[in-house]
Amino acid sequence: MTTRERIVSEADRLFYERGYEHTSFADIADAVGISRGNFYYHFKSKDEILDAVIGDRMTSTSEMLQAWEALSSTPAERIKSFILIVITNRAQIIRHGCPVGTLCSELAKIGHPAQPQSNQLFTLFRTWLGQQFTLLGHEAEADSFAMHVLAFSQGVALLAHAFQDKRFVEREAERMCAWLDGIADEAIAKTE
């Protein structure tokens, strides 16, 4: 990793764990192990770092969605991959909440100009999920179903963080997968 990439990676982690407002240049420089002078060579402001973090998250999210498409043969399997991410990331979610949701919420609260940019992460998920529901045979309800799955993931992340309950995350993911199986079966029945 280059120094710039390490700065972005550590800033991303600290913004997630502590929040954007509660993370300073010094915190990031210390985490990377560089002097402030070297730090300012790469980034002139915390907002520049935030832009890089959001850009990095967009790239990694796009790559994750592409990997799910490559690994799964059906849209239902791909949607399940999204649903089950709350299980995969359960420990971090219980400790810090959802990385996308917490950043979007914090930037909205402080009226930060990068808030619409951070919301693009949700838009990416919404669009991708909508495409999967369309492929599943639910074109008319695709966006509504996509928003339902997004609301599920954010609700689970918020309540798991609030109550520190691992079993809750598993139970809710099981329920959402059962719902998905039901609408997948509906789509198959329509075509028969």
C-alpha atoms as a PDB file:
ATOM      1  CA  MET A   1       0.000   0.000   0.000  1.00  0.00           C
ATOM      2  CA  THR A   2       1.151   3.510  -0.738  1.00  0.00           C
ATOM      3  CA  THR A   3       1.168   6.095   2.039  1.00  0.00           C
ATOM      4  CA  ARG A   4      -1.892   7.722   0.499  1.00  0.00           C
ATOM      5  CA  GLU A   5      -3.749   4.387   0.427  1.00  0.00           C
ATOM      6  CA  ARG A   6      -2.797   3.733   4.064  1.00  0.00           C
ATOM      7  CA  ILE A   7      -4.104   7.180   5.028  1.00  0.00           C
ATOM      8  CA  VAL A   8      -7.429   6.500   3.305  1.00  0.00           C
ATOM      9  CA  SER A   9      -7.692   3.031   4.837  1.00  0.00           C
ATOM     10  CA  GLU A  10      -6.984   4.232   8.376  1.00  0.00           C
ATOM     11  CA  ALA A  11      -9.254   7.255   7.952  1.00  0.00           C
ATOM     12  CA  ASP A  12     -12.043   4.962   6.776  1.00  0.00           C
ATOM     13  CA  ARG A  13     -11.584   2.752   9.843  1.00  0.00           C
ATOM     14  CA  LEU A  14     -11.454   5.701  12.238  1.00  0.00           C
ATOM     15  CA  PHE A  15     -14.436   7.469  10.662  1.00  0.00           C
ATOM     16  CA  TYR A  16     -16.370   4.224  11.100  1.00  0.00           C
ATOM     17  CA  GLU A  17     -15.237   3.486  14.641  1.00  0.00           C
ATOM     18  CA  ARG A  18     -15.151   7.040  16.070  1.00  0.00           C
ATOM     19  CA  GLY A  19     -17.129   9.105  13.596  1.00  0.00           C
ATOM     20  CA  TYR A  20     -16.008  11.748  11.135  1.00  0.00           C
ATOM     21  CA  GLU A  21     -16.379  14.620  13.598  1.00  0.00           C
ATOM     22  CA  HIS A  22     -14.424  12.839  16.341  1.00  0.00           C
ATOM     23  CA  THR A  23     -11.455  11.901  14.148  1.00  0.00           C
ATOM     24  CA  SER A  24      -8.644  14.427  13.777  1.00  0.00           C
ATOM     25  CA  PHE A  25      -5.713  14.737  11.393  1.00  0.00           C
ATOM     26  CA  ALA A  26      -3.481  13.743  14.310  1.00  0.00           C
ATOM     27  CA  ASP A  27      -5.537  10.582  14.931  1.00  0.00           C
ATOM     28  CA  ILE A  28      -5.151   9.522  11.301  1.00  0.00           C
ATOM     29  CA  ALA A  29      -1.439  10.443  11.150  1.00  0.00           C
ATOM     30  CA  ASP A  30      -0.802   8.471  14.349  1.00  0.00           C
ATOM     31  CA  ALA A  31      -2.697   5.432  13.019  1.00  0.00           C
ATOM     32  CA  VAL A  32      -0.636   5.502   9.813  1.00  0.00           C
ATOM     33  CA  GLY A  33       2.600   6.274  11.671  1.00  0.00           C
ATOM     34  CA  ILE A  34       3.581   9.372   9.722  1.00  0.00           C
ATOM     35  CA  SER A  35       4.367  12.965  10.658  1.00  0.00           C
ATOM     36  CA  ARG A  36       1.820  15.703  10.146  1.00  0.00           C
ATOM     37  CA  GLY A  37       4.045  17.269   7.484  1.00  0.00           C
ATOM     38  CA  ASN A  38       4.060  14.052   5.485  1.00  0.00           C
ATOM     39  CA  PHE A  39       0.322  13.770   6.044  1.00  0.00           C
ATOM     40  CA  TYR A  40      -0.327  17.248   4.583  1.00  0.00           C
ATOM     41  CA  TYR A  41       1.712  16.318   1.526  1.00  0.00           C
ATOM     42  CA  HIS A  42      -1.051  13.819   0.634  1.00  0.00           C
ATOM     43  CA  PHE A  43      -4.179  15.598   1.926  1.00  0.00           C
ATOM     44  CA  LYS A  44      -4.738  19.275   2.657  1.00  0.00           C
ATOM     45  CA  SER A  45      -8.023  18.887   4.558  1.00  0.00           C
ATOM     46  CA  LYS A  46     -10.151  16.351   6.337  1.00  0.00           C
ATOM     47  CA  ASP A  47     -12.807  16.896   3.656  1.00  0.00           C
ATOM     48  CA  GLU A  48     -10.308  15.731   1.003  1.00  0.00           C
ATOM     49  CA  ILE A  49      -9.771  12.572   3.024  1.00  0.00           C
ATOM     50  CA  LEU A  50     -13.530  12.097   3.367  1.00  0.00           C
ATOM     51  CA  ASP A  51     -13.941  12.365  -0.407  1.00  0.00           C
ATOM     52  CA  ALA A  52     -11.226   9.724  -0.856  1.00  0.00           C
ATOM     53  CA  VAL A  53     -12.854   7.450   1.741  1.00  0.00           C
ATOM     54  CA  ILE A  54     -16.251   7.699   0.034  1.00  0.00           C
ATOM     55  CA  GLY A  55     -14.631   7.076  -3.364  1.00  0.00           C
ATOM     56  CA  ASP A  56     -12.807   4.043  -1.979  1.00  0.00           C
ATOM     57  CA  ARG A  57     -16.025   2.703  -0.459  1.00  0.00           C
ATOM     58  CA  MET A  58     -17.837   3.143  -3.794  1.00  0.00           C
ATOM     59  CA  THR A  59     -15.101   1.189  -5.568  1.00  0.00           C
ATOM     60  CA  SER A  60     -14.985  -1.636  -3.031  1.00  0.00           C
ATOM     61  CA  THR A  61     -18.793  -1.843  -2.915  1.00  0.00           C
ATOM     62  CA  SER A  62     -18.989  -2.067  -6.717  1.00  0.00           C
ATOM     63  CA  GLU A  63     -16.346  -4.799  -6.678  1.00  0.00           C
ATOM     64  CA  MET A  64     -18.268  -6.721  -3.998  1.00  0.00           C
ATOM     65  CA  LEU A  65     -21.493  -6.546  -6.025  1.00  0.00           C
ATOM     66  CA  GLN A  66     -19.649  -7.724  -9.150  1.00  0.00           C
ATOM     67  CA  ALA A  67     -18.162 -10.629  -7.184  1.00  0.00           C
ATOM     68  CA  TRP A  68     -21.620 -11.653  -5.969  1.00  0.00           C
ATOM     69  CA  GLU A  69     -22.838 -11.623  -9.565  1.00  0.00           C
ATOM     70  CA  ALA A  70     -19.903 -13.786 -10.652  1.00  0.00           C
ATOM     71  CA  LEU A  71     -20.301 -16.267  -7.783  1.00  0.00           C
ATOM     72  CA  SER A  72     -24.098 -16.650  -7.804  1.00  0.00           C
ATOM     73  CA  SER A  73     -26.126 -18.124 -10.616  1.00  0.00           C
ATOM     74  CA  THR A  74     -29.521 -16.687  -9.632  1.00  0.00           C
ATOM     75  CA  PRO A  75     -30.771 -13.263  -8.576  1.00  0.00           C
ATOM     76  CA  ALA A  76     -32.214 -14.781  -5.383  1.00  0.00           C
ATOM     77  CA  GLU A  77     -28.743 -16.059  -4.399  1.00  0.00           C
ATOM     78  CA  ARG A  78     -27.261 -12.616  -5.096  1.00  0.00           C
ATOM     79  CA  ILE A  79     -29.923 -10.872  -2.978  1.00  0.00           C
ATOM     80  CA  LYS A  80     -29.246 -13.401  -0.194  1.00  0.00           C
ATOM     81  CA  SER A  81     -25.577 -12.403  -0.330  1.00  0.00           C
ATOM     82  CA  PHE A  82     -26.655  -8.845   0.439  1.00  0.00           C
ATOM     83  CA  ILE A  83     -29.020  -9.973   3.222  1.00  0.00           C
ATOM     84  CA  LEU A  84     -26.365 -12.171   4.823  1.00  0.00           C
ATOM     85  CA  ILE A  85     -23.778  -9.396   4.929  1.00  0.00           C
ATOM     86  CA  VAL A  86     -25.247  -8.495   8.331  1.00  0.00           C
ATOM     87  CA  ILE A  87     -24.143 -11.954   9.501  1.00  0.00           C
ATOM     88  CA  THR A  88     -20.717 -11.708   7.846  1.00  0.00           C
ATOM     89  CA  ASN A  89     -20.076  -8.281   9.413  1.00  0.00           C
ATOM     90  CA  ARG A  90     -21.996  -8.967  12.634  1.00  0.00           C
ATOM     91  CA  ALA A  91     -19.108  -8.266  15.041  1.00  0.00           C
ATOM     92  CA  GLN A  92     -18.325  -4.869  13.507  1.00  0.00           C
ATOM     93  CA  ILE A  93     -22.020  -3.976  13.191  1.00  0.00           C
ATOM     94  CA  ILE A  94     -22.675  -4.789  16.853  1.00  0.00           C
ATOM     95  CA  ARG A  95     -19.675  -2.687  17.854  1.00  0.00           C
ATOM     96  CA  HIS A  96     -20.089   0.294  15.499  1.00  0.00           C
ATOM     97  CA  GLY A  97     -23.291  -0.003  13.419  1.00  0.00           C
ATOM     98  CA  CYS A  98     -23.398  -0.061   9.628  1.00  0.00           C
ATOM     99  CA  PRO A  99     -20.445   1.740   8.026  1.00  0.00           C
ATOM    100  CA  VAL A 100     -22.635   3.249   5.292  1.00  0.00           C
ATOM    101  CA  GLY A 101     -25.550   4.131   7.554  1.00  0.00           C
ATOM    102  CA  THR A 102     -23.425   5.667  10.296  1.00  0.00           C
ATOM    103  CA  LEU A 103     -21.476   7.857   7.874  1.00  0.00           C
ATOM    104  CA  CYS A 104     -24.584   9.022   5.989  1.00  0.00           C
ATOM    105  CA  SER A 105     -26.383   9.759   9.246  1.00  0.00           C
ATOM    106  CA  GLU A 106     -23.485  11.675  10.766  1.00  0.00           C
ATOM    107  CA  LEU A 107     -22.908  13.785   7.655  1.00  0.00           C
ATOM    108  CA  ALA A 108     -26.643  14.560   7.448  1.00  0.00           C
ATOM    109  CA  LYS A 109     -26.728  15.656  11.110  1.00  0.00           C
ATOM    110  CA  ILE A 110     -23.882  18.115  10.656  1.00  0.00           C
ATOM    111  CA  GLY A 111     -25.106  19.309   7.249  1.00  0.00           C
ATOM    112  CA  HIS A 112     -21.833  18.310   5.604  1.00  0.00           C
ATOM    113  CA  PRO A 113     -21.587  19.053   1.865  1.00  0.00           C
ATOM    114  CA  ALA A 114     -20.371  15.462   1.197  1.00  0.00           C
ATOM    115  CA  GLN A 115     -23.615  13.974   2.522  1.00  0.00           C
ATOM    116  CA  PRO A 116     -25.202  13.575  -0.949  1.00  0.00           C
ATOM    117  CA  GLN A 117     -21.978  11.910  -2.144  1.00  0.00           C
ATOM    118  CA  SER A 118     -22.091   9.450   0.774  1.00  0.00           C
ATOM    119  CA  ASN A 119     -25.747   8.675  -0.029  1.00  0.00           C
ATOM    120  CA  GLN A 120     -24.575   7.370  -3.404  1.00  0.00           C
ATOM    121  CA  LEU A 121     -23.486   4.212  -1.566  1.00  0.00           C
ATOM    122  CA  PHE A 122     -27.135   3.553  -0.703  1.00  0.00           C
ATOM    123  CA  THR A 123     -28.135   4.436  -4.269  1.00  0.00           C
ATOM    124  CA  LEU A 124     -25.630   1.878  -5.566  1.00  0.00           C
ATOM    125  CA  PHE A 125     -27.165  -0.817  -3.336  1.00  0.00           C
ATOM    126  CA  ARG A 126     -30.710   0.262  -4.217  1.00  0.00           C
ATOM    127  CA  THR A 127     -30.060   0.161  -7.960  1.00  0.00           C
ATOM    128  CA  TRP A 128     -28.273  -3.188  -7.800  1.00  0.00           C
ATOM    129  CA  LEU A 129     -30.957  -4.780  -5.622  1.00  0.00           C
ATOM    130  CA  GLY A 130     -33.652  -3.400  -7.934  1.00  0.00           C
ATOM    131  CA  GLN A 131     -31.917  -5.023 -10.895  1.00  0.00           C
ATOM    132  CA  GLN A 132     -31.807  -8.344  -9.051  1.00  0.00           C
ATOM    133  CA  PHE A 133     -35.517  -8.187  -8.176  1.00  0.00           C
ATOM    134  CA  THR A 134     -36.302  -7.385 -11.813  1.00  0.00           C
ATOM    135  CA  LEU A 135     -34.288 -10.427 -12.902  1.00  0.00           C
ATOM    136  CA  LEU A 136     -36.153 -12.448 -10.274  1.00  0.00           C
ATOM    137  CA  GLY A 137     -39.429 -11.598 -12.037  1.00  0.00           C
ATOM    138  CA  HIS A 138     -40.689  -8.749  -9.860  1.00  0.00           C
ATOM    139  CA  GLU A 139     -40.110  -5.777 -12.145  1.00  0.00           C
ATOM    140  CA  ALA A 140     -43.140  -3.787 -10.930  1.00  0.00           C
ATOM    141  CA  GLU A 141     -42.087  -4.148  -7.281  1.00  0.00           C
ATOM    142  CA  ALA A 142     -38.320  -4.111  -7.844  1.00  0.00           C
ATOM    143  CA  ASP A 143     -37.575  -0.717  -6.306  1.00  0.00           C
ATOM    144  CA  SER A 144     -40.007  -1.243  -3.445  1.00  0.00           C
ATOM    145  CA  PHE A 145     -38.435  -4.617  -2.653  1.00  0.00           C
ATOM    146  CA  ALA A 146     -34.947  -3.105  -2.924  1.00  0.00           C
ATOM    147  CA  MET A 147     -35.889  -0.427  -0.385  1.00  0.00           C
ATOM    148  CA  HIS A 148     -37.420  -3.107   1.872  1.00  0.00           C
ATOM    149  CA  VAL A 149     -34.125  -5.029   1.907  1.00  0.00           C
ATOM    150  CA  LEU A 150     -32.152  -1.822   2.532  1.00  0.00           C
ATOM    151  CA  ALA A 151     -34.494  -0.897   5.393  1.00  0.00           C
ATOM    152  CA  PHE A 152     -34.026  -4.386   6.833  1.00  0.00           C
ATOM    153  CA  SER A 153     -30.229  -4.093   6.758  1.00  0.00           C
ATOM    154  CA  GLN A 154     -30.216  -0.642   8.339  1.00  0.00           C
ATOM    155  CA  GLY A 155     -32.771  -1.565  10.979  1.00  0.00           C
ATOM    156  CA  VAL A 156     -30.882  -4.711  11.925  1.00  0.00           C
ATOM    157  CA  ALA A 157     -27.588  -2.806  12.084  1.00  0.00           C
ATOM    158  CA  LEU A 158     -29.055  -0.058  14.278  1.00  0.00           C
ATOM    159  CA  LEU A 159     -30.804  -2.419  16.699  1.00  0.00           C
ATOM    160  CA  ALA A 160     -27.896  -4.880  16.833  1.00  0.00           C
ATOM    161  CA  HIS A 161     -25.633  -1.978  17.755  1.00  0.00           C
ATOM    162  CA  ALA A 162     -28.109  -0.647  20.331  1.00  0.00           C
ATOM    163  CA  PHE A 163     -28.832  -3.995  22.001  1.00  0.00           C
ATOM    164  CA  GLN A 164     -25.521  -5.814  21.306  1.00  0.00           C
ATOM    165  CA  ASP A 165     -27.519  -8.932  20.386  1.00  0.00           C
ATOM    166  CA  LYS A 166     -25.859 -11.450  18.033  1.00  0.00           C
ATOM    167  CA  ARG A 167     -28.852 -13.789  17.960  1.00  0.00           C
ATOM    168  CA  PHE A 168     -31.134 -10.934  16.882  1.00  0.00           C
ATOM    169  CA  VAL A 169     -29.004 -10.434  13.756  1.00  0.00           C
ATOM    170  CA  GLU A 170     -29.198 -14.131  12.868  1.00  0.00           C
ATOM    171  CA  ARG A 171     -32.937 -14.354  13.519  1.00  0.00           C
ATOM    172  CA  GLU A 172     -33.742 -11.302  11.386  1.00  0.00           C
ATOM    173  CA  ALA A 173     -31.514 -12.499   8.532  1.00  0.00           C
ATOM    174  CA  GLU A 174     -33.312 -15.867   8.615  1.00  0.00           C
ATOM    175  CA  ARG A 175     -36.682 -14.077   8.431  1.00  0.00           C
ATOM    176  CA  MET A 176     -35.577 -11.918   5.529  1.00  0.00           C
ATOM    177  CA  CYS A 177     -34.235 -14.971   3.661  1.00  0.00           C
ATOM    178  CA  ALA A 178     -37.567 -16.752   4.220  1.00  0.00           C
ATOM    179  CA  TRP A 179     -39.389 -13.710   2.788  1.00  0.00           C
ATOM    180  CA  LEU A 180     -37.053 -13.736  -0.210  1.00  0.00           C
ATOM    181  CA  ASP A 181     -37.632 -17.467  -0.761  1.00  0.00           C
ATOM    182  CA  GLY A 182     -41.375 -16.788  -0.767  1.00  0.00           C
ATOM    183  CA  ILE A 183     -41.235 -14.087  -3.411  1.00  0.00           C
ATOM    184  CA  ALA A 184     -38.775 -16.160  -5.482  1.00  0.00           C
ATOM    185  CA  ASP A 185     -41.286 -19.041  -5.394  1.00  0.00           C
ATOM    186  CA  GLU A 186     -44.036 -16.593  -6.424  1.00  0.00           C
ATOM    187  CA  ALA A 187     -42.012 -15.554  -9.466  1.00  0.00           C
ATOM    188  CA  ILE A 188     -41.458 -19.198 -10.459  1.00  0.00           C
ATOM    189  CA  ALA A 189     -45.171 -19.945 -10.055  1.00  0.00           C
ATOM    190  CA  LYS A 190     -46.038 -17.011 -12.359  1.00  0.00           C
ATOM    191  CA  THR A 191     -43.911 -18.449 -15.164  1.00  0.00           C
ATOM    192  CA  GLU A 192     -45.308 -21.988 -14.944  1.00  0.00           C
END
